C-alpha atoms as a PDB file:
ATOM      1  CA  MET A   1     -69.673  83.900 -34.936  1.00  0.00           C
ATOM      2  CA  HIS A   2     -68.722  81.580 -37.791  1.00  0.00           C
ATOM      3  CA  PHE A   3     -67.981  83.987 -40.609  1.00  0.00           C
ATOM      4  CA  TYR A   4     -66.861  87.609 -40.907  1.00  0.00           C
ATOM      5  CA  LEU A   5     -68.147  89.145 -44.144  1.00  0.00           C
ATOM      6  CA  PRO A   6     -65.891  92.021 -45.332  1.00  0.00           C
ATOM      7  CA  GLY A   7     -68.573  94.549 -46.162  1.00  0.00           C
ATOM      8  CA  TRP A   8     -66.102  96.818 -47.932  1.00  0.00           C
ATOM      9  CA  GLU A   9     -65.757  94.148 -50.640  1.00  0.00           C
ATOM     10  CA  VAL A  10     -69.519  94.002 -51.261  1.00  0.00           C
ATOM     11  CA  ASP A  11     -70.506  96.009 -54.315  1.00  0.00           C
ATOM     12  CA  ILE A  12     -72.952  98.907 -53.994  1.00  0.00           C
ATOM     13  CA  ILE A  13     -76.453  97.908 -55.089  1.00  0.00           C
ATOM     14  CA  ARG A  14     -77.270  99.475 -58.454  1.00  0.00           C
ATOM     15  CA  GLY A  15     -80.373  99.460 -60.611  1.00  0.00           C
ATOM     16  CA  GLU A  16     -78.913  97.184 -63.286  1.00  0.00           C
ATOM     17  CA  MET A  17     -78.424  94.415 -60.703  1.00  0.00           C
ATOM     18  CA  PHE A  18     -82.170  93.795 -60.471  1.00  0.00           C
ATOM     19  CA  SER A  19     -83.817  91.297 -62.789  1.00  0.00           C
ATOM     20  CA  ASN A  20     -86.793  92.043 -64.998  1.00  0.00           C
ATOM     21  CA  GLY A  21     -87.742  88.374 -65.139  1.00  0.00           C
ATOM     22  CA  TYR A  22     -89.225  85.857 -62.757  1.00  0.00           C
ATOM     23  CA  GLY A  23     -87.889  85.156 -59.282  1.00  0.00           C
ATOM     24  CA  PHE A  24     -88.741  83.441 -56.007  1.00  0.00           C
ATOM     25  CA  VAL A  25     -91.147  85.069 -53.586  1.00  0.00           C
ATOM     26  CA  VAL A  26     -89.209  85.596 -50.345  1.00  0.00           C
ATOM     27  CA  ASP A  27     -91.535  83.366 -48.319  1.00  0.00           C
ATOM     28  CA  TYR A  28     -91.083  80.541 -50.816  1.00  0.00           C
ATOM     29  CA  LEU A  29     -87.285  80.888 -50.800  1.00  0.00           C
ATOM     30  CA  ALA A  30     -87.285  80.967 -46.994  1.00  0.00           C
ATOM     31  CA  GLU A  31     -89.267  77.735 -46.916  1.00  0.00           C
ATOM     32  CA  ILE A  32     -86.733  76.069 -49.222  1.00  0.00           C
ATOM     33  CA  LEU A  33     -83.856  77.160 -47.004  1.00  0.00           C
ATOM     34  CA  ARG A  34     -85.704  76.001 -43.869  1.00  0.00           C
ATOM     35  CA  SER A  35     -86.273  72.542 -45.354  1.00  0.00           C
ATOM     36  CA  LEU A  36     -82.587  72.321 -46.278  1.00  0.00           C
ATOM     37  CA  ARG A  37     -81.684  72.592 -42.593  1.00  0.00           C
ATOM     38  CA  ASN A  38     -82.353  68.862 -42.380  1.00  0.00           C
ATOM     39  CA  HIS A  39     -79.425  68.226 -44.736  1.00  0.00           C
ATOM     40  CA  ASP A  40     -75.741  68.445 -43.868  1.00  0.00           C
ATOM     41  CA  PHE A  41     -73.365  69.394 -46.702  1.00  0.00           C
ATOM     42  CA  SER A  42     -70.378  70.119 -44.445  1.00  0.00           C
ATOM     43  CA  ASP A  43     -68.461  66.999 -45.487  1.00  0.00           C
ATOM     44  CA  ARG A  44     -68.822  67.435 -49.245  1.00  0.00           C
ATOM     45  CA  TYR A  45     -65.251  68.752 -49.575  1.00  0.00           C
ATOM     46  CA  GLN A  46     -63.560  65.874 -47.756  1.00  0.00           C
ATOM     47  CA  GLU A  47     -63.361  63.702 -50.858  1.00  0.00           C
ATOM     48  CA  HIS A  48     -60.938  66.242 -52.358  1.00  0.00           C
ATOM     49  CA  PHE A  49     -59.475  68.341 -49.521  1.00  0.00           C
ATOM     50  CA  THR A  50     -58.306  68.079 -45.913  1.00  0.00           C
ATOM     51  CA  LEU A  51     -58.194  70.927 -43.389  1.00  0.00           C
ATOM     52  CA  SER A  52     -54.928  71.704 -41.619  1.00  0.00           C
ATOM     53  CA  SER A  53     -54.463  69.959 -38.273  1.00  0.00           C
ATOM     54  CA  ASP A  54     -53.709  73.411 -36.781  1.00  0.00           C
ATOM     55  CA  ILE A  55     -57.357  74.405 -37.111  1.00  0.00           C
ATOM     56  CA  SER A  56     -59.186  73.947 -33.812  1.00  0.00           C
ATOM     57  CA  THR A  57     -62.534  72.199 -33.385  1.00  0.00           C
ATOM     58  CA  ARG A  58     -64.329  75.521 -32.911  1.00  0.00           C
ATOM     59  CA  ASP A  59     -62.760  77.021 -36.038  1.00  0.00           C
ATOM     60  CA  ARG A  60     -63.448  73.799 -37.926  1.00  0.00           C
ATOM     61  CA  ASP A  61     -67.138  73.928 -36.919  1.00  0.00           C
ATOM     62  CA  GLY A  62     -67.385  77.510 -38.159  1.00  0.00           C
ATOM     63  CA  ILE A  63     -65.836  76.565 -41.496  1.00  0.00           C
ATOM     64  CA  HIS A  64     -68.152  73.577 -41.840  1.00  0.00           C
ATOM     65  CA  LYS A  65     -71.296  75.608 -41.134  1.00  0.00           C
ATOM     66  CA  THR A  66     -70.358  78.258 -43.693  1.00  0.00           C
ATOM     67  CA  PHE A  67     -69.335  75.683 -46.280  1.00  0.00           C
ATOM     68  CA  SER A  68     -72.532  73.693 -45.794  1.00  0.00           C
ATOM     69  CA  GLY A  69     -74.737  76.793 -46.061  1.00  0.00           C
ATOM     70  CA  LEU A  70     -73.077  78.022 -49.243  1.00  0.00           C
ATOM     71  CA  MET A  71     -73.276  74.563 -50.808  1.00  0.00           C
ATOM     72  CA  LYS A  72     -77.021  74.417 -50.100  1.00  0.00           C
ATOM     73  CA  ILE A  73     -77.593  77.813 -51.726  1.00  0.00           C
ATOM     74  CA  LEU A  74     -75.315  77.396 -54.738  1.00  0.00           C
ATOM     75  CA  PHE A  75     -75.445  73.643 -55.337  1.00  0.00           C
ATOM     76  CA  PRO A  76     -78.495  72.231 -53.522  1.00  0.00           C
ATOM     77  CA  GLU A  77     -78.221  68.972 -55.484  1.00  0.00           C
ATOM     78  CA  GLY A  78     -74.546  68.636 -54.590  1.00  0.00           C
ATOM     79  CA  GLU A  79     -73.398  68.661 -58.228  1.00  0.00           C
ATOM     80  CA  ALA A  80     -70.439  71.029 -57.671  1.00  0.00           C
ATOM     81  CA  THR A  81     -67.130  70.331 -59.419  1.00  0.00           C
ATOM     82  CA  LYS A  82     -63.864  69.993 -57.522  1.00  0.00           C
ATOM     83  CA  GLU A  83     -62.893  73.551 -58.510  1.00  0.00           C
ATOM     84  CA  GLU A  84     -66.243  74.945 -57.329  1.00  0.00           C
ATOM     85  CA  ILE A  85     -65.969  73.061 -54.041  1.00  0.00           C
ATOM     86  CA  GLN A  86     -62.457  74.436 -53.554  1.00  0.00           C
ATOM     87  CA  ALA A  87     -63.634  78.015 -54.139  1.00  0.00           C
ATOM     88  CA  ILE A  88     -66.393  77.638 -51.521  1.00  0.00           C
ATOM     89  CA  LEU A  89     -64.058  75.968 -49.018  1.00  0.00           C
ATOM     90  CA  HIS A  90     -61.414  78.668 -49.478  1.00  0.00           C
ATOM     91  CA  PHE A  91     -64.051  81.370 -48.956  1.00  0.00           C
ATOM     92  CA  ALA A  92     -65.395  79.652 -45.813  1.00  0.00           C
ATOM     93  CA  ILE A  93     -61.899  79.350 -44.325  1.00  0.00           C
ATOM     94  CA  GLU A  94     -61.112  82.979 -45.128  1.00  0.00           C
ATOM     95  CA  GLY A  95     -64.266  84.194 -43.361  1.00  0.00           C
ATOM     96  CA  ARG A  96     -63.516  82.158 -40.236  1.00  0.00           C
ATOM     97  CA  LYS A  97     -59.898  83.320 -40.309  1.00  0.00           C
ATOM     98  CA  ARG A  98     -61.107  86.915 -40.111  1.00  0.00           C
ATOM     99  CA  VAL A  99     -63.022  86.042 -36.934  1.00  0.00           C
ATOM    100  CA  LYS A 100     -59.944  84.443 -35.376  1.00  0.00           C
ATOM    101  CA  ASP A 101     -57.691  87.309 -36.442  1.00  0.00           C
ATOM    102  CA  GLN A 102     -59.992  89.774 -34.683  1.00  0.00           C
ATOM    103  CA  LEU A 103     -59.920  87.670 -31.507  1.00  0.00           C
ATOM    104  CA  MET A 104     -56.129  87.554 -31.627  1.00  0.00           C
ATOM    105  CA  ARG A 105     -56.004  91.357 -31.885  1.00  0.00           C
ATOM    106  CA  ILE A 106     -58.065  91.604 -28.722  1.00  0.00           C
ATOM    107  CA  ASP A 107     -56.376  88.813 -26.778  1.00  0.00           C
ATOM    108  CA  SER A 108     -52.803  87.892 -27.659  1.00  0.00           C
ATOM    109  CA  THR A 109     -52.986  84.673 -25.594  1.00  0.00           C
ATOM    110  CA  TYR A 110     -54.763  82.952 -28.459  1.00  0.00           C
ATOM    111  CA  ALA A 111     -52.454  80.497 -30.189  1.00  0.00           C
ATOM    112  CA  ASP A 112     -51.422  81.300 -33.741  1.00  0.00           C
ATOM    113  CA  VAL A 113     -53.316  79.210 -36.294  1.00  0.00           C
ATOM    114  CA  ARG A 114     -52.225  78.184 -39.772  1.00  0.00           C
ATOM    115  CA  PHE A 115     -55.401  78.387 -41.856  1.00  0.00           C
ATOM    116  CA  SER A 116     -54.745  76.089 -44.801  1.00  0.00           C
ATOM    117  CA  TYR A 117     -55.923  72.935 -46.514  1.00  0.00           C
ATOM    118  CA  GLU A 118     -54.448  70.193 -48.690  1.00  0.00           C
ATOM    119  CA  ASN A 119     -55.638  68.456 -51.830  1.00  0.00           C
ATOM    120  CA  GLY A 120     -55.361  64.750 -52.555  1.00  0.00           C
ATOM    121  CA  GLU A 121     -51.877  65.181 -54.039  1.00  0.00           C
ATOM    122  CA  GLY A 122     -50.527  66.705 -50.833  1.00  0.00           C
ATOM    123  CA  LYS A 123     -50.345  70.284 -52.129  1.00  0.00           C
ATOM    124  CA  THR A 124     -51.001  72.844 -49.406  1.00  0.00           C
ATOM    125  CA  PHE A 125     -53.125  75.940 -50.025  1.00  0.00           C
ATOM    126  CA  SER A 126     -52.533  78.733 -47.520  1.00  0.00           C
ATOM    127  CA  VAL A 127     -55.515  81.020 -46.902  1.00  0.00           C
ATOM    128  CA  LYS A 128     -54.903  84.721 -46.332  1.00  0.00           C
ATOM    129  CA  THR A 129     -57.283  87.648 -46.290  1.00  0.00           C
ATOM    130  CA  LEU A 130     -57.079  90.432 -48.835  1.00  0.00           C
ATOM    131  CA  GLU A 131     -56.199  92.949 -46.102  1.00  0.00           C
ATOM    132  CA  GLU A 132     -53.336  90.723 -44.976  1.00  0.00           C
ATOM    133  CA  GLU A 133     -51.924  90.714 -48.492  1.00  0.00           C
ATOM    134  CA  GLU A 134     -52.327  94.454 -49.035  1.00  0.00           C
ATOM    135  CA  TYR A 135     -51.205  95.669 -45.591  1.00  0.00           C
ATOM    136  CA  PRO A 136     -48.796  93.078 -44.165  1.00  0.00           C
ATOM    137  CA  ARG A 137     -47.111  95.687 -41.936  1.00  0.00           C
ATOM    138  CA  TYR A 138     -50.305  96.491 -40.078  1.00  0.00           C
ATOM    139  CA  TYR A 139     -52.591  93.487 -40.347  1.00  0.00           C
ATOM    140  CA  HIS A 140     -51.333  91.532 -37.336  1.00  0.00           C
ATOM    141  CA  HIS A 141     -51.252  94.448 -34.890  1.00  0.00           C
ATOM    142  CA  THR A 142     -52.861  93.819 -31.526  1.00  0.00           C
ATOM    143  CA  ILE A 143     -54.350  96.287 -29.075  1.00  0.00           C
ATOM    144  CA  GLY A 144     -51.121  96.231 -27.090  1.00  0.00           C
ATOM    145  CA  ASP A 145     -48.922  97.136 -30.052  1.00  0.00           C
ATOM    146  CA  GLY A 146     -47.428 100.604 -30.002  1.00  0.00           C
ATOM    147  CA  ALA A 147     -45.776 102.763 -32.618  1.00  0.00           C
ATOM    148  CA  GLU A 148     -42.829 100.390 -32.838  1.00  0.00           C
ATOM    149  CA  ALA A 149     -44.961  97.748 -34.504  1.00  0.00           C
ATOM    150  CA  SER A 150     -45.747 100.021 -37.434  1.00  0.00           C
ATOM    151  CA  GLU A 151     -42.049 100.311 -38.158  1.00  0.00           C
ATOM    152  CA  GLN A 152     -41.560  96.586 -38.545  1.00  0.00           C
ATOM    153  CA  LYS A 153     -40.566  95.410 -41.950  1.00  0.00           C
ATOM    154  CA  SER A 154     -43.163  93.484 -43.906  1.00  0.00           C
ATOM    155  CA  PRO A 155     -42.243  89.912 -44.777  1.00  0.00           C
ATOM    156  CA  VAL A 156     -40.725  89.345 -48.189  1.00  0.00           C
ATOM    157  CA  LYS A 157     -42.237  86.520 -50.221  1.00  0.00           C
ATOM    158  CA  THR A 158     -40.143  84.384 -52.484  1.00  0.00           C
ATOM    159  CA  ASP A 159     -42.754  81.838 -53.564  1.00  0.00           C
ATOM    160  CA  VAL A 160     -44.438  83.275 -56.643  1.00  0.00           C
ATOM    161  CA  SER A 161     -47.046  80.502 -56.556  1.00  0.00           C
ATOM    162  CA  GLU A 162     -48.798  82.267 -53.654  1.00  0.00           C
ATOM    163  CA  LYS A 163     -50.806  85.433 -53.996  1.00  0.00           C
ATOM    164  CA  LYS A 164     -48.631  88.362 -53.085  1.00  0.00           C
ATOM    165  CA  SER A 165     -49.198  91.857 -51.803  1.00  0.00           C
ATOM    166  CA  VAL A 166     -49.314  94.659 -54.336  1.00  0.00           C
ATOM    167  CA  GLU A 167     -45.925  96.254 -54.642  1.00  0.00           C
ATOM    168  CA  PRO A 168     -44.275  98.100 -57.515  1.00  0.00           C
ATOM    169  CA  ALA A 169     -42.478  95.722 -59.841  1.00  0.00           C
ATOM    170  CA  GLU A 170     -38.730  95.505 -59.444  1.00  0.00           C
ATOM    171  CA  GLU A 171     -36.497  97.655 -61.647  1.00  0.00           C
ATOM    172  CA  GLN A 172     -35.063  94.475 -63.164  1.00  0.00           C
ATOM    173  CA  PRO A 173     -38.071  92.454 -64.352  1.00  0.00           C
ATOM    174  CA  GLN A 174     -38.084  88.790 -63.480  1.00  0.00           C
ATOM    175  CA  ALA A 175     -39.798  85.822 -65.080  1.00  0.00           C
ATOM    176  CA  GLY A 176     -42.504  84.303 -62.907  1.00  0.00           C
ATOM    177  CA  HIS A 177     -46.179  83.874 -62.174  1.00  0.00           C
ATOM    178  CA  VAL A 178     -48.354  86.138 -60.016  1.00  0.00           C
ATOM    179  CA  ALA A 179     -52.007  85.734 -58.952  1.00  0.00           C
ATOM    180  CA  TYR A 180     -54.162  88.577 -57.644  1.00  0.00           C
ATOM    181  CA  GLN A 181     -57.273  88.341 -55.486  1.00  0.00           C
ATOM    182  CA  GLU A 182     -60.799  89.533 -56.142  1.00  0.00           C
ATOM    183  CA  ASN A 183     -61.265  93.183 -55.063  1.00  0.00           C
ATOM    184  CA  GLN A 184     -57.540  93.745 -54.511  1.00  0.00           C
ATOM    185  CA  ARG A 185     -56.478  97.371 -54.923  1.00  0.00           C
ATOM    186  CA  GLY A 186     -53.218  99.149 -55.643  1.00  0.00           C
ATOM    187  CA  ILE A 187     -52.812  97.537 -59.063  1.00  0.00           C
ATOM    188  CA  SER A 188     -52.120  99.366 -62.316  1.00  0.00           C
ATOM    189  CA  TYR A 189     -50.840  98.663 -65.798  1.00  0.00           C
ATOM    190  CA  GLN A 190     -47.742 100.584 -64.777  1.00  0.00           C
ATOM    191  CA  THR A 191     -46.849  98.158 -61.970  1.00  0.00           C
ATOM    192  CA  LEU A 192     -47.908  95.091 -63.956  1.00  0.00           C
ATOM    193  CA  PHE A 193     -46.312  95.869 -67.323  1.00  0.00           C
ATOM    194  CA  GLY A 194     -44.083  98.939 -67.013  1.00  0.00           C
ATOM    195  CA  PRO A 195     -40.732  97.230 -66.279  1.00  0.00           C
ATOM    196  CA  TYR A 196     -41.348  94.606 -68.979  1.00  0.00           C
ATOM    197  CA  LEU A 197     -42.222  97.154 -71.674  1.00  0.00           C
ATOM    198  CA  THR A 198     -39.340  99.529 -70.946  1.00  0.00           C
ATOM    199  CA  GLY A 199     -36.950  99.736 -73.878  1.00  0.00           C
ATOM    200  CA  ALA A 200     -39.281  97.947 -76.310  1.00  0.00           C
ATOM    201  CA  GLN A 201     -39.782  99.477 -79.738  1.00  0.00           C
ATOM    202  CA  LYS A 202     -42.287  96.930 -81.019  1.00  0.00           C
ATOM    203  CA  ILE A 203     -45.117  95.639 -78.837  1.00  0.00           C
ATOM    204  CA  THR A 204     -47.856  93.252 -79.945  1.00  0.00           C
ATOM    205  CA  LEU A 205     -51.010  92.914 -77.854  1.00  0.00           C
ATOM    206  CA  THR A 206     -53.291  89.967 -78.589  1.00  0.00           C
ATOM    207  CA  ASP A 207     -56.725  90.217 -77.011  1.00  0.00           C
ATOM    208  CA  PRO A 208     -59.939  89.077 -78.731  1.00  0.00           C
ATOM    209  CA  TYR A 209     -62.098  91.233 -76.472  1.00  0.00           C
ATOM    210  CA  ILE A 210     -61.350  94.836 -77.399  1.00  0.00           C
ATOM    211  CA  ARG A 211     -64.812  95.678 -78.686  1.00  0.00           C
ATOM    212  CA  LEU A 212     -66.908  97.677 -76.242  1.00  0.00           C
ATOM    213  CA  PHE A 213     -66.200 101.207 -75.044  1.00  0.00           C
ATOM    214  CA  TYR A 214     -64.768 100.223 -71.665  1.00  0.00           C
ATOM    215  CA  GLN A 215     -62.466  97.721 -73.381  1.00  0.00           C
ATOM    216  CA  ALA A 216     -61.257 100.423 -75.781  1.00  0.00           C
ATOM    217  CA  ARG A 217     -60.640 102.632 -72.769  1.00  0.00           C
ATOM    218  CA  ASN A 218     -58.524  99.870 -71.226  1.00  0.00           C
ATOM    219  CA  LEU A 219     -56.502  99.821 -74.446  1.00  0.00           C
ATOM    220  CA  MET A 220     -56.075 103.589 -74.261  1.00  0.00           C
ATOM    221  CA  GLU A 221     -54.810 103.324 -70.679  1.00  0.00           C
ATOM    222  CA  PHE A 222     -52.379 100.627 -71.807  1.00  0.00           C
ATOM    223  CA  LEU A 223     -50.980 103.082 -74.377  1.00  0.00           C
ATOM    224  CA  GLU A 224     -50.812 105.747 -71.674  1.00  0.00           C
ATOM    225  CA  THR A 225     -48.562 103.389 -69.713  1.00  0.00           C
ATOM    226  CA  ILE A 226     -46.261 103.093 -72.726  1.00  0.00           C
ATOM    227  CA  ALA A 227     -46.278 106.883 -73.123  1.00  0.00           C
ATOM    228  CA  ARG A 228     -45.051 107.283 -69.536  1.00  0.00           C
ATOM    229  CA  ILE A 229     -42.085 104.937 -69.885  1.00  0.00           C
ATOM    230  CA  LYS A 230     -40.818 105.650 -73.394  1.00  0.00           C
ATOM    231  CA  PRO A 231     -38.235 108.407 -74.081  1.00  0.00           C
ATOM    232  CA  ASP A 232     -39.777 111.499 -75.656  1.00  0.00           C
ATOM    233  CA  ASP A 233     -37.471 111.335 -78.673  1.00  0.00           C
ATOM    234  CA  GLU A 234     -38.222 107.709 -79.558  1.00  0.00           C
ATOM    235  CA  GLU A 235     -41.125 106.007 -81.292  1.00  0.00           C
ATOM    236  CA  VAL A 236     -42.821 102.795 -80.255  1.00  0.00           C
ATOM    237  CA  SER A 237     -44.980 100.637 -82.505  1.00  0.00           C
ATOM    238  CA  VAL A 238     -47.960  98.958 -80.827  1.00  0.00           C
ATOM    239  CA  HIS A 239     -49.921  96.394 -82.835  1.00  0.00           C
ATOM    240  CA  LEU A 240     -53.249  94.983 -81.670  1.00  0.00           C
ATOM    241  CA  VAL A 241     -54.567  91.581 -82.765  1.00  0.00           C
ATOM    242  CA  THR A 242     -58.240  91.212 -81.893  1.00  0.00           C
ATOM    243  CA  VAL A 243     -61.554  89.892 -83.218  1.00  0.00           C
ATOM    244  CA  GLU A 244     -64.066  92.029 -85.081  1.00  0.00           C
ATOM    245  CA  ASP A 245     -67.365  92.613 -83.327  1.00  0.00           C
ATOM    246  CA  GLU A 246     -70.094  90.815 -85.236  1.00  0.00           C
ATOM    247  CA  PHE A 247     -72.688  93.529 -84.649  1.00  0.00           C
ATOM    248  CA  LYS A 248     -70.753  96.754 -83.981  1.00  0.00           C
ATOM    249  CA  GLY A 249     -67.657  96.389 -86.111  1.00  0.00           C
ATOM    250  CA  ASP A 250     -67.918  99.950 -87.459  1.00  0.00           C
ATOM    251  CA  GLN A 251     -68.012 101.436 -83.975  1.00  0.00           C
ATOM    252  CA  GLN A 252     -65.122  99.208 -82.901  1.00  0.00           C
ATOM    253  CA  GLU A 253     -62.986 100.431 -85.817  1.00  0.00           C
ATOM    254  CA  GLU A 254     -63.947 104.021 -85.032  1.00  0.00           C
ATOM    255  CA  TYR A 255     -62.537 103.563 -81.539  1.00  0.00           C
ATOM    256  CA  PHE A 256     -59.260 102.289 -82.979  1.00  0.00           C
ATOM    257  CA  GLN A 257     -58.982 105.149 -85.448  1.00  0.00           C
ATOM    258  CA  LYS A 258     -59.443 107.701 -82.690  1.00  0.00           C
ATOM    259  CA  ILE A 259     -56.818 105.963 -80.559  1.00  0.00           C
ATOM    260  CA  GLN A 260     -54.448 105.904 -83.540  1.00  0.00           C
ATOM    261  CA  GLU A 261     -54.914 109.637 -84.142  1.00  0.00           C
ATOM    262  CA  ALA A 262     -54.377 110.475 -80.473  1.00  0.00           C
ATOM    263  CA  ALA A 263     -51.274 108.284 -80.139  1.00  0.00           C
ATOM    264  CA  ALA A 264     -49.398 109.415 -83.261  1.00  0.00           C
ATOM    265  CA  PRO A 265     -48.363 112.919 -82.056  1.00  0.00           C
ATOM    266  CA  ILE A 266     -46.683 111.482 -78.929  1.00  0.00           C
ATOM    267  CA  GLY A 267     -44.607 108.906 -80.795  1.00  0.00           C
ATOM    268  CA  ILE A 268     -46.787 105.788 -80.496  1.00  0.00           C
ATOM    269  CA  ASN A 269     -47.598 104.179 -83.847  1.00  0.00           C
ATOM    270  CA  PHE A 270     -50.759 102.229 -83.143  1.00  0.00           C
ATOM    271  CA  SER A 271     -52.090  99.684 -85.634  1.00  0.00           C
ATOM    272  CA  TRP A 272     -54.559  96.833 -85.501  1.00  0.00           C
ATOM    273  CA  GLU A 273     -55.770  93.770 -87.355  1.00  0.00           C
ATOM    274  CA  PHE A 274     -58.815  91.551 -87.050  1.00  0.00           C
ATOM    275  CA  SER A 275     -57.897  87.903 -86.717  1.00  0.00           C
ATOM    276  CA  LYS A 276     -59.686  85.472 -89.019  1.00  0.00           C
ATOM    277  CA  ASP A 277     -59.549  82.887 -86.240  1.00  0.00           C
ATOM    278  CA  GLU A 278     -62.995  83.177 -84.652  1.00  0.00           C
ATOM    279  CA  GLY A 279     -61.864  80.808 -81.897  1.00  0.00           C
ATOM    280  CA  LEU A 280     -59.043  83.111 -80.816  1.00  0.00           C
ATOM    281  CA  HIS A 281     -58.831  83.081 -77.012  1.00  0.00           C
ATOM    282  CA  ALA A 282     -55.150  83.839 -76.372  1.00  0.00           C
ATOM    283  CA  ARG A 283     -54.404  87.026 -74.458  1.00  0.00           C
ATOM    284  CA  HIS A 284     -50.809  88.118 -74.231  1.00  0.00           C
ATOM    285  CA  ILE A 285     -48.264  90.876 -74.803  1.00  0.00           C
ATOM    286  CA  VAL A 286     -45.060  90.241 -76.784  1.00  0.00           C
ATOM    287  CA  THR A 287     -42.152  92.695 -76.990  1.00  0.00           C
ATOM    288  CA  ASP A 288     -39.121  92.859 -79.276  1.00  0.00           C
ATOM    289  CA  THR A 289     -36.958  92.786 -76.139  1.00  0.00           C
ATOM    290  CA  GLY A 290     -37.816  89.133 -75.564  1.00  0.00           C
ATOM    291  CA  TRP A 291     -40.683  89.292 -73.044  1.00  0.00           C
ATOM    292  CA  LYS A 292     -44.020  87.523 -73.352  1.00  0.00           C
ATOM    293  CA  ILE A 293     -46.688  88.355 -70.782  1.00  0.00           C
ATOM    294  CA  LEU A 294     -49.568  85.890 -70.543  1.00  0.00           C
ATOM    295  CA  LEU A 295     -52.830  87.467 -69.366  1.00  0.00           C
ATOM    296  CA  ASP A 296     -55.708  85.207 -68.384  1.00  0.00           C
ATOM    297  CA  ARG A 297     -58.134  88.166 -68.434  1.00  0.00           C
ATOM    298  CA  GLY A 298     -56.385  90.360 -70.964  1.00  0.00           C
ATOM    299  CA  LEU A 299     -56.576  94.045 -70.067  1.00  0.00           C
ATOM    300  CA  ASP A 300     -59.998  93.554 -68.446  1.00  0.00           C
ATOM    301  CA  ILE A 301     -58.767  93.247 -64.848  1.00  0.00           C
ATOM    302  CA  PHE A 302     -60.812  95.915 -63.058  1.00  0.00           C
ATOM    303  CA  GLN A 303     -64.244  95.738 -61.461  1.00  0.00           C
ATOM    304  CA  ARG A 304     -66.929  98.050 -62.770  1.00  0.00           C
ATOM    305  CA  TYR A 305     -66.457 101.722 -61.877  1.00  0.00           C
ATOM    306  CA  GLU A 306     -68.181 104.952 -62.851  1.00  0.00           C
ATOM    307  CA  MET A 307     -66.340 106.151 -65.957  1.00  0.00           C
ATOM    308  CA  SER A 308     -68.445 109.305 -66.217  1.00  0.00           C
ATOM    309  CA  ASP A 309     -67.786 110.488 -62.664  1.00  0.00           C
ATOM    310  CA  ALA A 310     -65.042 113.114 -62.927  1.00  0.00           C
ATOM    311  CA  PHE A 311     -64.857 113.368 -59.127  1.00  0.00           C
ATOM    312  CA  SER A 312     -64.079 109.694 -58.538  1.00  0.00           C
ATOM    313  CA  PHE A 313     -60.475 108.685 -57.906  1.00  0.00           C
ATOM    314  CA  SER A 314     -61.190 105.202 -59.267  1.00  0.00           C
ATOM    315  CA  ASN A 315     -62.113 106.871 -62.547  1.00  0.00           C
ATOM    316  CA  ARG A 316     -58.850 108.789 -62.700  1.00  0.00           C
ATOM    317  CA  LEU A 317     -56.355 106.387 -61.107  1.00  0.00           C
ATOM    318  CA  GLN A 318     -56.206 102.634 -61.626  1.00  0.00           C
ATOM    319  CA  GLU A 319     -54.656 102.079 -58.197  1.00  0.00           C
ATOM    320  CA  TYR A 320     -57.974 102.986 -56.546  1.00  0.00           C
ATOM    321  CA  ARG A 321     -60.041 100.462 -58.490  1.00  0.00           C
ATOM    322  CA  PRO A 322     -60.838  97.028 -57.057  1.00  0.00           C
ATOM    323  CA  CYS A 323     -59.763  94.332 -59.476  1.00  0.00           C
ATOM    324  CA  LYS A 324     -61.169  91.016 -60.595  1.00  0.00           C
ATOM    325  CA  ALA A 325     -59.305  87.831 -59.714  1.00  0.00           C
ATOM    326  CA  PHE A 326     -56.642  87.317 -62.384  1.00  0.00           C
ATOM    327  CA  GLU A 327     -53.201  85.884 -63.029  1.00  0.00           C
ATOM    328  CA  VAL A 328     -50.163  87.049 -64.990  1.00  0.00           C
ATOM    329  CA  THR A 329     -47.227  84.965 -66.221  1.00  0.00           C
ATOM    330  CA  TYR A 330     -43.972  86.598 -67.337  1.00  0.00           C
ATOM    331  CA  LEU A 331     -41.862  84.587 -69.793  1.00  0.00           C
ATOM    332  CA  GLN A 332     -38.480  85.517 -71.253  1.00  0.00           C
END
């Protein structure tokens, strides 16, 4: 087995995923893939990256087979950029790591392996699975582990350059940079922004993509976060800088007016302006307490979920929603 696909990360097939246009007949696609068996793409990453010497020949073969197969499907002409090659290599290593981790749970005599790779500048990229990040206290249990193992303390990370497990932000916010993985759960605006917004009386959110309904709902949930942390007897001013929708500007402004009306009675003075800069791409939050939070995806960090399903926890609680891959930088 070369690759372990985490089925729980695969989205449920929905009607809107199917195309109404042209596509390959399955037999034709199968013939293309069969002919590509004569080509070997497994070495296409070696110009830019080197696998860790810890990785055994068997694990290396599994990584190569997965990498080669994905390259043939996604970039059959081999025209992938360095960043695209890195994403495929990282994914291939992660899938093989899951296989090895399962073997190590069954048989503890397997030697521990450091699944990582280096770029041409000597920078090392450690590969960890999403489950390992989210459940560090339980991930490395073996069949022989008893109850004592569950009481072990999870490791504390100090290197903010690596992806970290989801934990509530510290009471005293710290400057730094954090990256989150695709489909990671346990994340909310409260844990991301709460400590940095506490005590602020003026907050400015810049995000050019607050146009559609789900984006307006994200904005509303951002204000809900502020409502939770602010004292009842104080007012907070929240100003949005965004870009007017070219086709549905009236509907966009209607959303903002409704949010403004809902926020006023609880002490949040919401206002907005449409930037004249059509090339506006910056997404950040600035507070009068001296914090600036850089958001590469703005407030749009969650995967699609059923907003109309009142019986879905992902609809009611952000912590139960899988997220998109995104990064946050906290500056003071």
